Amino acid sequence: MQKRAPKASASVRSVDLDPWNNVQEFDFATKNTADLVAAPVSLTGKAGETVKADLGFRNKGPAWIAHPRSREDVARTDIVIPAGARVTKVPAGCRGVNADGSDREQALGAPRYFCSTGHVVGEKETFSYPFELKIEKVVTDAKGSVSVGQWTPGGTQGQRWDPNHANDKAAFVINAKDGGATPTPTTSATPTPTASATPTPTPTASATAGSGTGTTANGGLASTGTSAGTLAFGGAVLVAAGGALVLAFRRKAAGRA
């Protein structure tokens, strides 16, 4: 009697020879946006005094933004210190740089600071970086700035999904003539998206409730508003407050089937 060849086991038949093609990703876009708004700050003080300032921005919404896979920063806050003041306390998530944006060793006393957001920015969320500054010399109407946007080697530029770049930059003034600071609009057009280098890693500080804006330090990197929470998909996404997916996933690395 001729014997039949044994049947292949279920485990052998179920082996996927190329699991990389089991999932496909694609890009798409809708009209939902997220508007990042830099907060103007005005301080007053005498020579020798130490003042506190919460410097940062808020997300006007309606969407929230996240980089759940790459976990890179959603945005960078670029802070230029007014003349006559010296930073004596730097908050978590911020690093001192030279006036041209190049690296420097000392964090204290820098003329400029780059601050990270972490990989999630919630809708209606405020990011506040509490600095302390000593007024070494009184300079009337000493002007600096607070800018928020996409990371670039020399600072920031407007995010492509941000509909209003005019509010990406605001004034940071010490001993203003008129007693207050007003937003300083940018005049650059919306940049064409280009590939950019990976941002310099910075520790993502825990978000804690704070006053958001003003001149009272909250301690550490503070954020207020609704937190976006953890995502389980995608590369860069924007999600409206109602929960609808807005912006697309990043493509997989080249070389995968």
C-alpha atoms as a PDB file:
ATOM      1  CA  MET A   1       0.000   0.000   0.000  1.00  0.00           C
ATOM      2  CA  GLN A   2       1.371   3.400  -1.006  1.00  0.00           C
ATOM      3  CA  LYS A   3       1.733   5.845   1.888  1.00  0.00           C
ATOM      4  CA  ARG A   4       0.582   9.440   1.553  1.00  0.00           C
ATOM      5  CA  ALA A   5       2.964  12.275   2.288  1.00  0.00           C
ATOM      6  CA  PRO A   6       2.256  13.881   5.699  1.00  0.00           C
ATOM      7  CA  LYS A   7       0.250  17.102   5.597  1.00  0.00           C
ATOM      8  CA  ALA A   8       1.989  20.326   6.534  1.00  0.00           C
ATOM      9  CA  SER A   9       1.219  21.368  10.051  1.00  0.00           C
ATOM     10  CA  ALA A  10      -0.947  24.432  10.709  1.00  0.00           C
ATOM     11  CA  SER A  11       2.008  26.242  12.222  1.00  0.00           C
ATOM     12  CA  VAL A  12       4.055  25.795   9.037  1.00  0.00           C
ATOM     13  CA  ARG A  13       1.214  26.978   6.773  1.00  0.00           C
ATOM     14  CA  SER A  14       0.645  30.089   8.915  1.00  0.00           C
ATOM     15  CA  VAL A  15       4.195  31.441   8.741  1.00  0.00           C
ATOM     16  CA  ASP A  16       4.240  34.848   7.036  1.00  0.00           C
ATOM     17  CA  LEU A  17       7.303  35.068   4.827  1.00  0.00           C
ATOM     18  CA  ASP A  18       7.203  38.854   4.673  1.00  0.00           C
ATOM     19  CA  PRO A  19       5.403  40.478   7.648  1.00  0.00           C
ATOM     20  CA  TRP A  20       6.575  43.973   6.653  1.00  0.00           C
ATOM     21  CA  ASN A  21       3.856  44.284   4.008  1.00  0.00           C
ATOM     22  CA  ASN A  22       1.019  43.545   6.432  1.00  0.00           C
ATOM     23  CA  VAL A  23       0.521  47.230   7.181  1.00  0.00           C
ATOM     24  CA  GLN A  24       0.439  50.118   4.755  1.00  0.00           C
ATOM     25  CA  GLU A  25       0.672  53.793   5.722  1.00  0.00           C
ATOM     26  CA  PHE A  26      -0.468  56.814   3.779  1.00  0.00           C
ATOM     27  CA  ASP A  27      -0.518  60.588   4.099  1.00  0.00           C
ATOM     28  CA  PHE A  28      -3.612  62.720   4.097  1.00  0.00           C
ATOM     29  CA  ALA A  29      -4.623  66.149   5.313  1.00  0.00           C
ATOM     30  CA  THR A  30      -7.785  67.963   6.354  1.00  0.00           C
ATOM     31  CA  LYS A  31      -8.632  71.550   7.238  1.00  0.00           C
ATOM     32  CA  ASN A  32      -8.115  71.086  10.998  1.00  0.00           C
ATOM     33  CA  THR A  33      -5.243  73.110  12.421  1.00  0.00           C
ATOM     34  CA  ALA A  34      -3.421  74.029  15.634  1.00  0.00           C
ATOM     35  CA  ASP A  35      -2.424  77.629  16.303  1.00  0.00           C
ATOM     36  CA  LEU A  36       0.614  78.122  18.560  1.00  0.00           C
ATOM     37  CA  VAL A  37       0.614  81.585  20.137  1.00  0.00           C
ATOM     38  CA  ALA A  38       3.681  83.107  21.846  1.00  0.00           C
ATOM     39  CA  ALA A  39       2.914  84.996  25.087  1.00  0.00           C
ATOM     40  CA  PRO A  40       4.179  88.576  25.524  1.00  0.00           C
ATOM     41  CA  VAL A  41       5.829  89.392  28.874  1.00  0.00           C
ATOM     42  CA  SER A  42       6.710  92.728  30.492  1.00  0.00           C
ATOM     43  CA  LEU A  43       8.785  93.073  33.700  1.00  0.00           C
ATOM     44  CA  THR A  44       9.975  95.955  35.812  1.00  0.00           C
ATOM     45  CA  GLY A  45      12.836  96.101  38.296  1.00  0.00           C
ATOM     46  CA  LYS A  46      15.738  98.061  39.704  1.00  0.00           C
ATOM     47  CA  ALA A  47      19.426  97.357  39.301  1.00  0.00           C
ATOM     48  CA  GLY A  48      20.450  94.433  41.496  1.00  0.00           C
ATOM     49  CA  GLU A  49      16.938  92.977  41.762  1.00  0.00           C
ATOM     50  CA  THR A  50      16.038  89.423  40.743  1.00  0.00           C
ATOM     51  CA  VAL A  51      12.776  89.062  38.840  1.00  0.00           C
ATOM     52  CA  LYS A  52      10.792  85.997  37.786  1.00  0.00           C
ATOM     53  CA  ALA A  53       9.183  85.434  34.407  1.00  0.00           C
ATOM     54  CA  ASP A  54       7.074  82.664  32.907  1.00  0.00           C
ATOM     55  CA  LEU A  55       7.995  82.581  29.225  1.00  0.00           C
ATOM     56  CA  GLY A  56       6.265  80.362  26.709  1.00  0.00           C
ATOM     57  CA  PHE A  57       3.237  79.869  24.500  1.00  0.00           C
ATOM     58  CA  ARG A  58      -0.241  78.362  24.309  1.00  0.00           C
ATOM     59  CA  ASN A  59      -1.966  76.164  21.760  1.00  0.00           C
ATOM     60  CA  LYS A  60      -5.078  77.975  20.583  1.00  0.00           C
ATOM     61  CA  GLY A  61      -6.285  74.765  18.921  1.00  0.00           C
ATOM     62  CA  PRO A  62      -8.561  73.356  17.805  1.00  0.00           C
ATOM     63  CA  ALA A  63      -6.268  70.371  17.260  1.00  0.00           C
ATOM     64  CA  TRP A  64      -3.636  68.789  19.459  1.00  0.00           C
ATOM     65  CA  ILE A  65      -0.313  67.592  18.091  1.00  0.00           C
ATOM     66  CA  ALA A  66       1.893  64.581  18.786  1.00  0.00           C
ATOM     67  CA  HIS A  67       4.907  62.658  17.492  1.00  0.00           C
ATOM     68  CA  PRO A  68       4.108  59.309  19.159  1.00  0.00           C
ATOM     69  CA  ARG A  69       6.561  57.175  17.205  1.00  0.00           C
ATOM     70  CA  SER A  70       9.618  59.380  16.817  1.00  0.00           C
ATOM     71  CA  ARG A  71       8.906  61.151  20.141  1.00  0.00           C
ATOM     72  CA  GLU A  72      10.630  64.277  18.841  1.00  0.00           C
ATOM     73  CA  ASP A  73       9.607  67.687  20.129  1.00  0.00           C
ATOM     74  CA  VAL A  74       6.439  69.113  18.630  1.00  0.00           C
ATOM     75  CA  ALA A  75       7.845  72.649  18.787  1.00  0.00           C
ATOM     76  CA  ARG A  76      10.669  74.764  20.151  1.00  0.00           C
ATOM     77  CA  THR A  77      10.409  77.983  22.135  1.00  0.00           C
ATOM     78  CA  ASP A  78      13.168  80.468  21.278  1.00  0.00           C
ATOM     79  CA  ILE A  79      13.728  83.069  24.028  1.00  0.00           C
ATOM     80  CA  VAL A  80      15.960  86.130  23.553  1.00  0.00           C
ATOM     81  CA  ILE A  81      16.959  87.819  26.837  1.00  0.00           C
ATOM     82  CA  PRO A  82      16.662  91.642  26.984  1.00  0.00           C
ATOM     83  CA  ALA A  83      19.798  93.749  27.468  1.00  0.00           C
ATOM     84  CA  GLY A  84      20.862  94.486  31.033  1.00  0.00           C
ATOM     85  CA  ALA A  85      19.444  91.222  32.476  1.00  0.00           C
ATOM     86  CA  ARG A  86      21.263  87.988  33.294  1.00  0.00           C
ATOM     87  CA  VAL A  87      19.531  84.633  33.725  1.00  0.00           C
ATOM     88  CA  THR A  88      20.263  83.116  37.142  1.00  0.00           C
ATOM     89  CA  LYS A  89      17.864  80.161  37.000  1.00  0.00           C
ATOM     90  CA  VAL A  90      17.084  78.027  33.944  1.00  0.00           C
ATOM     91  CA  PRO A  91      13.956  75.813  33.922  1.00  0.00           C
ATOM     92  CA  ALA A  92      13.924  72.146  32.926  1.00  0.00           C
ATOM     93  CA  GLY A  93      13.739  71.559  29.190  1.00  0.00           C
ATOM     94  CA  CYS A  94      15.680  74.738  28.321  1.00  0.00           C
ATOM     95  CA  ARG A  95      19.318  75.175  27.304  1.00  0.00           C
ATOM     96  CA  GLY A  96      21.423  78.271  26.864  1.00  0.00           C
ATOM     97  CA  VAL A  97      22.849  79.133  23.451  1.00  0.00           C
ATOM     98  CA  ASN A  98      24.849  81.982  21.985  1.00  0.00           C
ATOM     99  CA  ALA A  99      23.150  84.946  20.325  1.00  0.00           C
ATOM    100  CA  ASP A 100      23.416  83.272  16.908  1.00  0.00           C
ATOM    101  CA  GLY A 101      21.884  80.025  18.197  1.00  0.00           C
ATOM    102  CA  SER A 102      25.145  78.076  18.392  1.00  0.00           C
ATOM    103  CA  ASP A 103      25.927  75.818  21.354  1.00  0.00           C
ATOM    104  CA  ARG A 104      27.589  77.070  24.521  1.00  0.00           C
ATOM    105  CA  GLU A 105      28.775  75.304  27.667  1.00  0.00           C
ATOM    106  CA  GLN A 106      27.315  77.575  30.339  1.00  0.00           C
ATOM    107  CA  ALA A 107      23.526  77.592  30.741  1.00  0.00           C
ATOM    108  CA  LEU A 108      23.411  80.553  33.133  1.00  0.00           C
ATOM    109  CA  GLY A 109      23.874  84.036  31.734  1.00  0.00           C
ATOM    110  CA  ALA A 110      23.197  83.054  28.123  1.00  0.00           C
ATOM    111  CA  PRO A 111      21.757  85.694  25.782  1.00  0.00           C
ATOM    112  CA  ARG A 112      19.309  83.220  24.295  1.00  0.00           C
ATOM    113  CA  TYR A 113      17.537  79.960  25.231  1.00  0.00           C
ATOM    114  CA  PHE A 114      15.957  77.080  23.329  1.00  0.00           C
ATOM    115  CA  CYS A 115      13.193  75.246  25.223  1.00  0.00           C
ATOM    116  CA  SER A 116      11.578  71.942  24.262  1.00  0.00           C
ATOM    117  CA  THR A 117       7.912  70.949  24.417  1.00  0.00           C
ATOM    118  CA  GLY A 118       8.150  67.185  24.485  1.00  0.00           C
ATOM    119  CA  HIS A 119       6.352  65.036  21.902  1.00  0.00           C
ATOM    120  CA  VAL A 120       2.757  65.997  22.787  1.00  0.00           C
ATOM    121  CA  VAL A 121       1.038  69.399  22.844  1.00  0.00           C
ATOM    122  CA  GLY A 122      -2.595  69.240  23.927  1.00  0.00           C
ATOM    123  CA  GLU A 123      -5.427  71.353  22.613  1.00  0.00           C
ATOM    124  CA  LYS A 124      -5.842  74.558  24.637  1.00  0.00           C
ATOM    125  CA  GLU A 125      -2.591  73.697  26.495  1.00  0.00           C
ATOM    126  CA  THR A 126      -0.172  76.318  27.803  1.00  0.00           C
ATOM    127  CA  PHE A 127       3.580  75.769  28.115  1.00  0.00           C
ATOM    128  CA  SER A 128       5.306  78.007  30.639  1.00  0.00           C
ATOM    129  CA  TYR A 129       9.053  78.074  31.323  1.00  0.00           C
ATOM    130  CA  PRO A 130       9.825  79.823  34.643  1.00  0.00           C
ATOM    131  CA  PHE A 131      13.055  81.827  34.473  1.00  0.00           C
ATOM    132  CA  GLU A 132      14.753  83.990  37.071  1.00  0.00           C
ATOM    133  CA  LEU A 133      16.762  87.003  35.933  1.00  0.00           C
ATOM    134  CA  LYS A 134      18.951  89.504  37.726  1.00  0.00           C
ATOM    135  CA  ILE A 135      18.760  93.067  36.466  1.00  0.00           C
ATOM    136  CA  GLU A 136      22.421  93.992  36.364  1.00  0.00           C
ATOM    137  CA  LYS A 137      21.851  97.308  34.613  1.00  0.00           C
ATOM    138  CA  VAL A 138      18.637  99.245  34.078  1.00  0.00           C
ATOM    139  CA  VAL A 139      18.064  99.642  30.349  1.00  0.00           C
ATOM    140  CA  THR A 140      14.863 101.499  29.546  1.00  0.00           C
ATOM    141  CA  ASP A 141      12.622  99.548  27.166  1.00  0.00           C
ATOM    142  CA  ALA A 142      15.085  96.644  26.926  1.00  0.00           C
ATOM    143  CA  LYS A 143      13.570  94.285  24.371  1.00  0.00           C
ATOM    144  CA  GLY A 144      13.920  90.556  23.852  1.00  0.00           C
ATOM    145  CA  SER A 145      11.463  88.098  22.328  1.00  0.00           C
ATOM    146  CA  VAL A 146       9.623  84.797  22.709  1.00  0.00           C
ATOM    147  CA  SER A 147       9.114  82.729  19.532  1.00  0.00           C
ATOM    148  CA  VAL A 148       7.548  79.313  18.982  1.00  0.00           C
ATOM    149  CA  GLY A 149       7.712  77.070  15.931  1.00  0.00           C
ATOM    150  CA  GLN A 150       9.439  74.266  14.137  1.00  0.00           C
ATOM    151  CA  TRP A 151      13.018  73.415  15.070  1.00  0.00           C
ATOM    152  CA  THR A 152      15.736  74.820  12.798  1.00  0.00           C
ATOM    153  CA  PRO A 153      19.523  74.886  13.338  1.00  0.00           C
ATOM    154  CA  GLY A 154      19.440  78.619  14.091  1.00  0.00           C
ATOM    155  CA  GLY A 155      16.126  78.915  15.926  1.00  0.00           C
ATOM    156  CA  THR A 156      12.559  78.375  14.750  1.00  0.00           C
ATOM    157  CA  GLN A 157      10.299  78.756  11.750  1.00  0.00           C
ATOM    158  CA  GLY A 158       6.518  78.531  11.421  1.00  0.00           C
ATOM    159  CA  GLN A 159       4.943  75.094  11.514  1.00  0.00           C
ATOM    160  CA  ARG A 160       3.250  74.107   8.238  1.00  0.00           C
ATOM    161  CA  TRP A 161       0.055  73.159  10.075  1.00  0.00           C
ATOM    162  CA  ASP A 162      -0.102  76.458  11.993  1.00  0.00           C
ATOM    163  CA  PRO A 163      -2.569  78.780  10.181  1.00  0.00           C
ATOM    164  CA  ASN A 164      -1.344  82.040  11.737  1.00  0.00           C
ATOM    165  CA  HIS A 165       2.376  82.771  11.865  1.00  0.00           C
ATOM    166  CA  ALA A 166       1.797  86.414  12.837  1.00  0.00           C
ATOM    167  CA  ASN A 167       1.398  85.359  16.501  1.00  0.00           C
ATOM    168  CA  ASP A 168       4.388  82.995  16.576  1.00  0.00           C
ATOM    169  CA  LYS A 169       6.535  85.768  18.075  1.00  0.00           C
ATOM    170  CA  ALA A 170       5.880  88.098  21.022  1.00  0.00           C
ATOM    171  CA  ALA A 171       7.826  90.791  22.867  1.00  0.00           C
ATOM    172  CA  PHE A 172       9.722  90.182  26.101  1.00  0.00           C
ATOM    173  CA  VAL A 173      10.382  93.631  27.609  1.00  0.00           C
ATOM    174  CA  ILE A 174      12.047  94.823  30.820  1.00  0.00           C
ATOM    175  CA  ASN A 175      11.296  98.339  32.092  1.00  0.00           C
ATOM    176  CA  ALA A 176       9.132  99.215  29.115  1.00  0.00           C
ATOM    177  CA  LYS A 177       8.421 102.863  28.417  1.00  0.00           C
ATOM    178  CA  ASP A 178       4.674 102.255  28.235  1.00  0.00           C
ATOM    179  CA  GLY A 179       4.643  99.721  31.085  1.00  0.00           C
ATOM    180  CA  GLY A 180       3.578  96.736  29.019  1.00  0.00           C
ATOM    181  CA  ALA A 181       4.537  94.391  26.203  1.00  0.00           C
ATOM    182  CA  THR A 182       2.603  93.823  23.023  1.00  0.00           C
ATOM    183  CA  PRO A 183       2.930  90.937  20.567  1.00  0.00           C
ATOM    184  CA  THR A 184       5.506  91.448  17.830  1.00  0.00           C
ATOM    185  CA  PRO A 185       4.169  89.902  14.586  1.00  0.00           C
ATOM    186  CA  THR A 186       6.428  88.048  12.199  1.00  0.00           C
ATOM    187  CA  THR A 187       6.366  88.966   8.531  1.00  0.00           C
ATOM    188  CA  SER A 188       7.768  85.818   6.981  1.00  0.00           C
ATOM    189  CA  ALA A 189       5.558  83.766   4.676  1.00  0.00           C
ATOM    190  CA  THR A 190       4.571  80.202   5.457  1.00  0.00           C
ATOM    191  CA  PRO A 191       7.685  78.103   4.798  1.00  0.00           C
ATOM    192  CA  THR A 192       7.705  75.199   2.399  1.00  0.00           C
ATOM    193  CA  PRO A 193       8.127  71.950   4.397  1.00  0.00           C
ATOM    194  CA  THR A 194      11.658  70.600   4.098  1.00  0.00           C
ATOM    195  CA  ALA A 195      13.537  67.764   5.670  1.00  0.00           C
ATOM    196  CA  SER A 196      15.227  68.835   8.869  1.00  0.00           C
ATOM    197  CA  ALA A 197      17.862  67.387  11.155  1.00  0.00           C
ATOM    198  CA  THR A 198      16.877  65.596  14.313  1.00  0.00           C
ATOM    199  CA  PRO A 199      16.544  68.099  17.171  1.00  0.00           C
ATOM    200  CA  THR A 200      19.079  68.058  19.969  1.00  0.00           C
ATOM    201  CA  PRO A 201      17.645  65.686  22.605  1.00  0.00           C
ATOM    202  CA  THR A 202      16.410  67.429  25.708  1.00  0.00           C
ATOM    203  CA  PRO A 203      14.760  65.904  28.756  1.00  0.00           C
ATOM    204  CA  THR A 204      10.984  65.961  28.665  1.00  0.00           C
ATOM    205  CA  ALA A 205       9.896  67.428  31.965  1.00  0.00           C
ATOM    206  CA  SER A 206       6.717  66.294  33.656  1.00  0.00           C
ATOM    207  CA  ALA A 207       3.830  68.615  32.941  1.00  0.00           C
ATOM    208  CA  THR A 208       2.388  70.216  36.041  1.00  0.00           C
ATOM    209  CA  ALA A 209      -0.429  72.641  36.494  1.00  0.00           C
ATOM    210  CA  GLY A 210       0.562  76.282  36.651  1.00  0.00           C
ATOM    211  CA  SER A 211      -0.601  79.781  35.953  1.00  0.00           C
ATOM    212  CA  GLY A 212       0.677  79.597  32.381  1.00  0.00           C
ATOM    213  CA  THR A 213       1.565  83.234  31.811  1.00  0.00           C
ATOM    214  CA  GLY A 214       2.633  86.082  34.065  1.00  0.00           C
ATOM    215  CA  THR A 215       5.674  86.801  36.169  1.00  0.00           C
ATOM    216  CA  THR A 216       5.444  84.159  38.897  1.00  0.00           C
ATOM    217  CA  ALA A 217       7.556  81.015  38.510  1.00  0.00           C
ATOM    218  CA  ASN A 218       5.746  77.673  38.664  1.00  0.00           C
ATOM    219  CA  GLY A 219       8.812  75.484  39.069  1.00  0.00           C
ATOM    220  CA  GLY A 220       9.902  73.173  36.255  1.00  0.00           C
ATOM    221  CA  LEU A 221       8.322  72.977  32.812  1.00  0.00           C
ATOM    222  CA  ALA A 222       4.667  73.714  33.348  1.00  0.00           C
ATOM    223  CA  SER A 223       1.670  73.116  31.135  1.00  0.00           C
ATOM    224  CA  THR A 224      -1.986  73.798  31.654  1.00  0.00           C
ATOM    225  CA  GLY A 225      -5.136  72.854  29.798  1.00  0.00           C
ATOM    226  CA  THR A 226      -6.252  69.507  28.455  1.00  0.00           C
ATOM    227  CA  SER A 227      -3.531  66.923  28.012  1.00  0.00           C
ATOM    228  CA  ALA A 228      -3.539  64.986  24.746  1.00  0.00           C
ATOM    229  CA  GLY A 229      -2.637  61.692  26.403  1.00  0.00           C
ATOM    230  CA  THR A 230      -0.845  58.694  24.896  1.00  0.00           C
ATOM    231  CA  LEU A 231      -1.295  57.652  21.273  1.00  0.00           C
ATOM    232  CA  ALA A 232      -0.896  54.146  19.898  1.00  0.00           C
ATOM    233  CA  PHE A 233      -0.200  54.948  16.265  1.00  0.00           C
ATOM    234  CA  GLY A 234       1.444  57.117  13.685  1.00  0.00           C
ATOM    235  CA  GLY A 235       4.408  59.421  13.256  1.00  0.00           C
ATOM    236  CA  ALA A 236       3.111  62.998  13.321  1.00  0.00           C
ATOM    237  CA  VAL A 237      -0.576  63.544  13.894  1.00  0.00           C
ATOM    238  CA  LEU A 238      -2.947  66.367  14.675  1.00  0.00           C
ATOM    239  CA  VAL A 239      -6.226  65.476  16.319  1.00  0.00           C
ATOM    240  CA  ALA A 240      -9.152  67.840  16.768  1.00  0.00           C
ATOM    241  CA  ALA A 241     -10.664  68.343  20.213  1.00  0.00           C
ATOM    242  CA  GLY A 242     -13.543  66.068  19.182  1.00  0.00           C
ATOM    243  CA  GLY A 243     -11.170  63.195  18.532  1.00  0.00           C
ATOM    244  CA  ALA A 244     -11.004  63.163  14.707  1.00  0.00           C
ATOM    245  CA  LEU A 245      -7.706  62.285  13.064  1.00  0.00           C
ATOM    246  CA  VAL A 246      -6.309  65.286  11.227  1.00  0.00           C
ATOM    247  CA  LEU A 247      -2.832  64.871   9.901  1.00  0.00           C
ATOM    248  CA  ALA A 248      -1.056  61.928   8.484  1.00  0.00           C
ATOM    249  CA  PHE A 249       1.366  59.228   9.461  1.00  0.00           C
ATOM    250  CA  ARG A 250       4.986  59.258   8.429  1.00  0.00           C
ATOM    251  CA  ARG A 251       6.160  56.802   5.878  1.00  0.00           C
ATOM    252  CA  LYS A 252       8.130  53.756   6.919  1.00  0.00           C
ATOM    253  CA  ALA A 253      11.880  53.754   6.410  1.00  0.00           C
ATOM    254  CA  ALA A 254      13.062  52.924   2.901  1.00  0.00           C
ATOM    255  CA  GLY A 255      13.983  49.336   2.217  1.00  0.00           C
ATOM    256  CA  ARG A 256      10.886  47.717   3.663  1.00  0.00           C
ATOM    257  CA  ALA A 257       8.713  45.675   1.299  1.00  0.00           C
END
